[in-house]
N, C-alpha and C. Protein backbone atom coordinates (compact mmCIF):
# COMPACT_ATOMS: atom_id res chain seq x y z
N MET A 1 -127.86 -12.74 49.69
CA MET A 1 -126.70 -12.49 50.35
C MET A 1 -126.60 -10.86 50.68
N ARG A 2 -126.25 -10.41 51.95
CA ARG A 2 -126.16 -9.13 52.08
C ARG A 2 -124.70 -8.70 52.31
N TYR A 3 -124.28 -7.41 52.01
CA TYR A 3 -123.10 -6.88 51.99
C TYR A 3 -123.11 -5.54 52.84
N ILE A 4 -122.04 -5.30 53.56
CA ILE A 4 -121.94 -4.06 54.09
C ILE A 4 -120.56 -3.36 53.73
N SER A 5 -120.51 -2.06 53.64
CA SER A 5 -119.55 -1.40 53.27
C SER A 5 -118.53 -1.20 54.52
N PRO A 6 -117.36 -0.89 54.39
CA PRO A 6 -116.35 -0.72 55.53
C PRO A 6 -116.88 0.49 56.39
N SER A 7 -117.32 1.63 55.80
CA SER A 7 -117.69 2.77 56.58
C SER A 7 -119.08 2.45 57.25
N SER A 8 -119.96 1.76 56.69
CA SER A 8 -121.07 1.14 57.39
C SER A 8 -120.72 0.47 58.60
N CYS A 9 -119.87 -0.52 58.24
CA CYS A 9 -119.61 -1.54 59.25
C CYS A 9 -118.92 -0.95 60.45
N GLU A 10 -118.02 0.03 60.19
CA GLU A 10 -117.29 0.79 61.29
C GLU A 10 -118.32 1.53 62.24
N ALA A 11 -119.32 2.17 61.57
CA ALA A 11 -120.18 2.92 62.28
C ALA A 11 -121.13 1.96 63.21
N ARG A 12 -121.53 0.81 62.55
CA ARG A 12 -122.24 0.01 63.36
C ARG A 12 -121.45 -0.81 64.46
N LEU A 13 -120.22 -0.82 64.10
CA LEU A 13 -119.21 -1.62 65.20
C LEU A 13 -119.13 -0.66 66.37
N LYS A 14 -118.96 0.51 66.12
CA LYS A 14 -118.89 1.48 67.20
C LYS A 14 -120.17 1.56 67.99
N ASN A 15 -121.23 1.32 67.46
CA ASN A 15 -122.50 1.29 68.21
C ASN A 15 -122.85 -0.11 68.90
N GLN A 16 -121.78 -1.07 68.67
CA GLN A 16 -121.84 -2.49 69.20
C GLN A 16 -123.08 -3.26 68.54
N GLU A 17 -123.43 -2.73 67.24
CA GLU A 17 -124.52 -3.50 66.51
C GLU A 17 -124.15 -4.69 65.74
N VAL A 18 -122.80 -4.94 65.49
CA VAL A 18 -122.32 -6.01 64.75
C VAL A 18 -121.03 -6.72 65.25
N GLU A 19 -120.83 -7.69 65.16
CA GLU A 19 -119.65 -8.44 65.55
C GLU A 19 -119.03 -8.94 64.01
N ILE A 20 -117.73 -8.73 64.17
CA ILE A 20 -116.82 -9.18 63.01
C ILE A 20 -115.91 -10.41 63.20
N PHE A 21 -116.07 -11.28 62.26
CA PHE A 21 -115.34 -12.44 62.09
C PHE A 21 -114.41 -12.46 60.90
N ASP A 22 -113.10 -12.58 61.25
CA ASP A 22 -112.13 -12.71 60.13
C ASP A 22 -111.74 -14.19 60.00
N ILE A 23 -112.08 -14.57 58.74
CA ILE A 23 -111.89 -15.84 58.30
C ILE A 23 -110.62 -16.31 57.52
N ARG A 24 -109.78 -15.29 57.46
CA ARG A 24 -108.54 -15.60 56.80
C ARG A 24 -107.70 -16.58 57.44
N GLU A 25 -106.77 -17.23 56.69
CA GLU A 25 -105.87 -18.35 57.21
C GLU A 25 -105.02 -17.64 58.39
N THR A 26 -104.52 -18.47 59.28
CA THR A 26 -103.80 -18.11 60.39
C THR A 26 -102.63 -17.30 60.08
N TYR A 27 -101.77 -17.61 59.07
CA TYR A 27 -100.64 -16.95 58.64
C TYR A 27 -101.14 -15.62 57.94
N GLU A 28 -102.27 -15.34 57.31
CA GLU A 28 -102.65 -14.07 56.85
C GLU A 28 -103.16 -13.24 58.16
N TYR A 29 -103.68 -13.76 59.05
CA TYR A 29 -104.04 -13.15 60.31
C TYR A 29 -102.84 -12.59 61.05
N GLU A 30 -101.87 -13.44 61.25
CA GLU A 30 -100.66 -13.06 61.70
C GLU A 30 -99.80 -11.92 61.08
N ILE A 31 -99.85 -11.94 59.64
CA ILE A 31 -99.23 -10.88 59.06
C ILE A 31 -100.06 -9.49 59.31
N CYS A 32 -101.27 -9.62 59.39
CA CYS A 32 -102.24 -8.34 59.36
C CYS A 32 -103.23 -8.64 60.37
N ASN A 33 -103.09 -8.47 61.55
CA ASN A 33 -103.89 -8.74 62.69
C ASN A 33 -105.04 -7.70 62.74
N SER A 34 -106.28 -8.10 62.28
CA SER A 34 -107.28 -7.18 62.27
C SER A 34 -107.89 -6.84 63.58
N GLY A 35 -107.52 -7.71 64.65
CA GLY A 35 -108.21 -7.34 66.13
C GLY A 35 -109.50 -8.00 66.16
N PHE A 36 -110.13 -8.54 65.13
CA PHE A 36 -111.36 -9.03 65.19
C PHE A 36 -111.47 -10.57 65.41
N LYS A 37 -112.44 -11.11 65.89
CA LYS A 37 -112.64 -12.51 66.26
C LYS A 37 -112.02 -13.28 65.09
N HIS A 38 -111.05 -14.47 65.19
CA HIS A 38 -110.39 -15.13 64.15
C HIS A 38 -110.96 -16.50 64.08
N ILE A 39 -111.62 -16.88 62.94
CA ILE A 39 -112.03 -18.13 62.68
C ILE A 39 -111.57 -18.57 61.23
N PRO A 40 -110.34 -19.43 61.21
CA PRO A 40 -110.14 -19.70 59.89
C PRO A 40 -111.14 -20.38 58.94
N MET A 41 -111.30 -20.14 57.69
CA MET A 41 -112.37 -20.63 56.91
C MET A 41 -112.49 -22.04 57.11
N ALA A 42 -111.62 -22.80 57.01
CA ALA A 42 -111.68 -24.22 57.21
C ALA A 42 -112.30 -24.84 58.62
N GLU A 43 -112.22 -24.01 59.70
CA GLU A 43 -112.63 -24.28 61.08
C GLU A 43 -114.13 -23.79 61.18
N ILE A 44 -114.60 -22.88 60.30
CA ILE A 44 -115.88 -22.43 60.56
C ILE A 44 -117.08 -23.38 61.11
N GLN A 45 -117.15 -24.42 60.34
CA GLN A 45 -118.11 -25.41 60.70
C GLN A 45 -118.01 -25.98 62.20
N SER A 46 -116.86 -26.10 62.54
CA SER A 46 -116.56 -26.59 63.92
C SER A 46 -116.75 -25.56 65.07
N ASN A 47 -116.98 -24.28 64.60
CA ASN A 47 -117.13 -23.15 65.54
C ASN A 47 -118.42 -22.44 65.48
N LEU A 48 -119.43 -23.18 64.85
CA LEU A 48 -120.75 -22.33 64.69
C LEU A 48 -121.29 -21.93 66.03
N SER A 49 -121.00 -22.50 67.00
CA SER A 49 -121.62 -22.03 68.53
C SER A 49 -121.00 -20.70 68.93
N ILE A 50 -119.95 -20.35 68.34
CA ILE A 50 -119.39 -18.91 68.75
C ILE A 50 -120.02 -17.68 67.93
N ILE A 51 -120.73 -18.12 66.82
CA ILE A 51 -121.37 -17.02 66.22
C ILE A 51 -122.75 -16.80 66.62
N PRO A 52 -122.75 -15.58 67.19
CA PRO A 52 -124.18 -15.27 67.78
C PRO A 52 -125.20 -15.29 66.69
N LYS A 53 -126.50 -15.60 67.26
CA LYS A 53 -127.61 -15.80 66.40
C LYS A 53 -128.64 -14.41 66.67
N ASP A 54 -128.27 -13.68 67.92
CA ASP A 54 -129.17 -12.62 68.21
C ASP A 54 -128.81 -11.17 67.80
N ARG A 55 -127.67 -11.04 66.86
CA ARG A 55 -127.37 -9.86 66.11
C ARG A 55 -126.43 -10.17 64.96
N GLU A 56 -126.38 -9.13 64.17
CA GLU A 56 -125.69 -9.19 62.81
C GLU A 56 -124.27 -9.43 63.11
N CYS A 57 -123.69 -10.39 62.28
CA CYS A 57 -122.30 -10.70 62.14
C CYS A 57 -121.65 -10.49 60.80
N VAL A 58 -120.47 -9.83 60.90
CA VAL A 58 -119.99 -9.50 59.54
C VAL A 58 -118.72 -10.54 59.23
N ILE A 59 -118.74 -11.05 58.14
CA ILE A 59 -117.93 -12.11 57.77
C ILE A 59 -116.77 -11.38 56.94
N MET A 60 -115.63 -11.42 57.17
CA MET A 60 -114.59 -10.79 56.37
C MET A 60 -113.35 -11.68 56.13
N CYS A 61 -112.81 -11.48 54.75
CA CYS A 61 -111.56 -12.27 54.54
C CYS A 61 -110.45 -11.11 53.83
N ARG A 62 -109.76 -11.49 52.91
CA ARG A 62 -108.92 -10.51 52.35
C ARG A 62 -109.51 -9.53 51.33
N SER A 63 -110.35 -10.20 50.61
CA SER A 63 -111.04 -9.40 49.53
C SER A 63 -112.51 -9.49 49.34
N GLY A 64 -113.11 -10.51 50.07
CA GLY A 64 -114.44 -10.63 50.16
C GLY A 64 -115.02 -11.91 49.55
N LYS A 65 -114.19 -12.58 48.62
CA LYS A 65 -114.53 -13.85 48.02
C LYS A 65 -114.89 -14.97 48.85
N ARG A 66 -113.77 -15.12 49.87
CA ARG A 66 -114.00 -16.27 50.73
C ARG A 66 -115.17 -16.12 51.69
N ALA A 67 -115.28 -14.79 52.14
CA ALA A 67 -116.53 -14.40 53.01
C ALA A 67 -117.80 -14.70 52.35
N GLU A 68 -117.85 -14.58 50.95
CA GLU A 68 -119.13 -14.70 50.24
C GLU A 68 -119.39 -16.32 50.27
N ALA A 69 -118.33 -17.04 50.02
CA ALA A 69 -118.31 -18.76 50.21
C ALA A 69 -118.87 -19.02 51.45
N VAL A 70 -118.32 -18.59 52.57
CA VAL A 70 -118.71 -18.88 53.87
C VAL A 70 -120.12 -18.58 54.14
N VAL A 71 -120.50 -17.25 54.01
CA VAL A 71 -121.86 -16.99 54.29
C VAL A 71 -122.92 -17.68 53.39
N ASN A 72 -122.62 -17.97 52.13
CA ASN A 72 -123.30 -18.97 51.42
C ASN A 72 -123.66 -20.26 52.08
N LEU A 73 -122.50 -20.81 52.49
CA LEU A 73 -122.43 -22.13 53.26
C LEU A 73 -123.50 -22.02 54.60
N LEU A 74 -123.18 -21.02 55.37
CA LEU A 74 -123.96 -20.89 56.51
C LEU A 74 -125.39 -20.54 56.40
N GLU A 75 -125.68 -19.69 55.59
CA GLU A 75 -127.05 -19.58 55.14
C GLU A 75 -127.86 -20.71 54.47
N THR A 76 -127.08 -21.49 53.71
CA THR A 76 -127.75 -22.66 53.07
C THR A 76 -127.81 -23.87 53.66
N GLU A 77 -126.76 -24.11 54.28
CA GLU A 77 -126.49 -25.49 55.00
C GLU A 77 -126.92 -25.37 56.52
N PHE A 78 -126.84 -24.27 57.12
CA PHE A 78 -127.18 -24.14 58.73
C PHE A 78 -128.15 -23.12 58.99
N GLN A 79 -128.76 -22.63 57.98
CA GLN A 79 -129.83 -21.54 58.17
C GLN A 79 -129.44 -20.33 58.98
N ILE A 80 -128.42 -19.92 59.03
CA ILE A 80 -127.81 -18.81 59.83
C ILE A 80 -128.07 -17.71 58.85
N LYS A 81 -128.89 -16.79 59.35
CA LYS A 81 -129.49 -15.61 58.40
C LYS A 81 -129.03 -14.14 58.88
N ASN A 82 -128.18 -14.04 59.93
CA ASN A 82 -127.84 -12.73 60.53
C ASN A 82 -126.45 -12.41 59.97
N LEU A 83 -126.09 -12.76 58.75
CA LEU A 83 -124.70 -12.54 58.33
C LEU A 83 -124.62 -11.42 57.21
N LEU A 84 -123.47 -10.73 57.15
CA LEU A 84 -123.09 -9.78 56.33
C LEU A 84 -121.86 -10.05 55.68
N VAL A 85 -121.61 -9.60 54.46
CA VAL A 85 -120.14 -9.79 53.93
C VAL A 85 -119.51 -8.53 53.96
N LEU A 86 -118.29 -8.29 54.39
CA LEU A 86 -117.72 -6.96 54.31
C LEU A 86 -117.12 -6.86 52.94
N GLU A 87 -117.62 -5.89 52.28
CA GLU A 87 -117.19 -5.44 50.89
C GLU A 87 -115.88 -5.28 50.84
N GLY A 88 -114.86 -6.08 50.03
CA GLY A 88 -113.67 -5.52 49.87
C GLY A 88 -112.78 -6.22 50.89
N GLY A 89 -113.36 -6.84 51.88
CA GLY A 89 -112.57 -7.37 52.83
C GLY A 89 -111.49 -6.54 53.62
N ILE A 90 -110.47 -7.23 54.16
CA ILE A 90 -109.55 -6.47 54.99
C ILE A 90 -108.62 -5.41 54.12
N VAL A 91 -108.62 -5.69 52.78
CA VAL A 91 -107.95 -4.68 51.88
C VAL A 91 -108.86 -3.53 51.95
N ALA A 92 -110.15 -3.41 51.72
CA ALA A 92 -110.73 -2.21 51.71
C ALA A 92 -110.87 -1.55 53.20
N TRP A 93 -110.83 -2.53 54.42
CA TRP A 93 -110.92 -1.92 55.61
C TRP A 93 -109.53 -1.12 55.81
N ALA A 94 -108.53 -1.71 55.40
CA ALA A 94 -107.15 -0.98 55.62
C ALA A 94 -107.12 0.24 54.74
N GLU A 95 -107.61 0.28 53.54
CA GLU A 95 -107.67 1.54 52.73
C GLU A 95 -108.50 2.60 53.27
N GLN A 96 -109.93 2.24 53.84
CA GLN A 96 -110.92 3.22 54.04
C GLN A 96 -110.92 3.52 55.63
N ILE A 97 -110.61 2.55 56.39
CA ILE A 97 -110.89 2.79 57.84
C ILE A 97 -109.67 2.85 58.63
N ASP A 98 -108.68 1.93 58.61
CA ASP A 98 -107.47 1.90 59.53
C ASP A 98 -106.21 1.56 58.48
N ASN A 99 -105.68 2.66 58.16
CA ASN A 99 -104.40 2.60 57.44
C ASN A 99 -103.18 2.27 58.06
N THR A 100 -103.44 1.98 59.48
CA THR A 100 -102.06 1.31 60.07
C THR A 100 -102.00 -0.04 59.98
N LEU A 101 -103.07 -0.70 59.31
CA LEU A 101 -102.93 -2.13 59.07
C LEU A 101 -102.03 -2.17 57.81
N LYS A 102 -101.11 -3.28 57.84
CA LYS A 102 -100.04 -3.54 56.83
C LYS A 102 -100.56 -5.07 56.23
N LEU A 103 -100.67 -5.11 55.19
CA LEU A 103 -101.06 -6.36 54.51
C LEU A 103 -100.04 -7.26 54.05
N ASP A 104 -98.78 -6.77 54.06
CA ASP A 104 -97.85 -7.70 53.67
C ASP A 104 -96.57 -7.35 54.45
């Protein structure tokens, strides 16, 4: 499993080298809209077709734990290997990159 720090992710996002998927629940996303593509964790398997295979994709949740579980599933069950986990999730992103995001 590969990880990416918020600062590295931001730099790669600016260069359009990665796509970010927010897998938090809908109510979490509504409280704190990251602006990234939203696929709730429970719906990830039914939305595999929207995850690009030709570039790296960052999976994020609140703290990183659910993202780890999703990446593990996608790598082992579906052989998707272009995935990264955002270290610290939206909490770290809000603290280090975008302090306008309110988590509650």
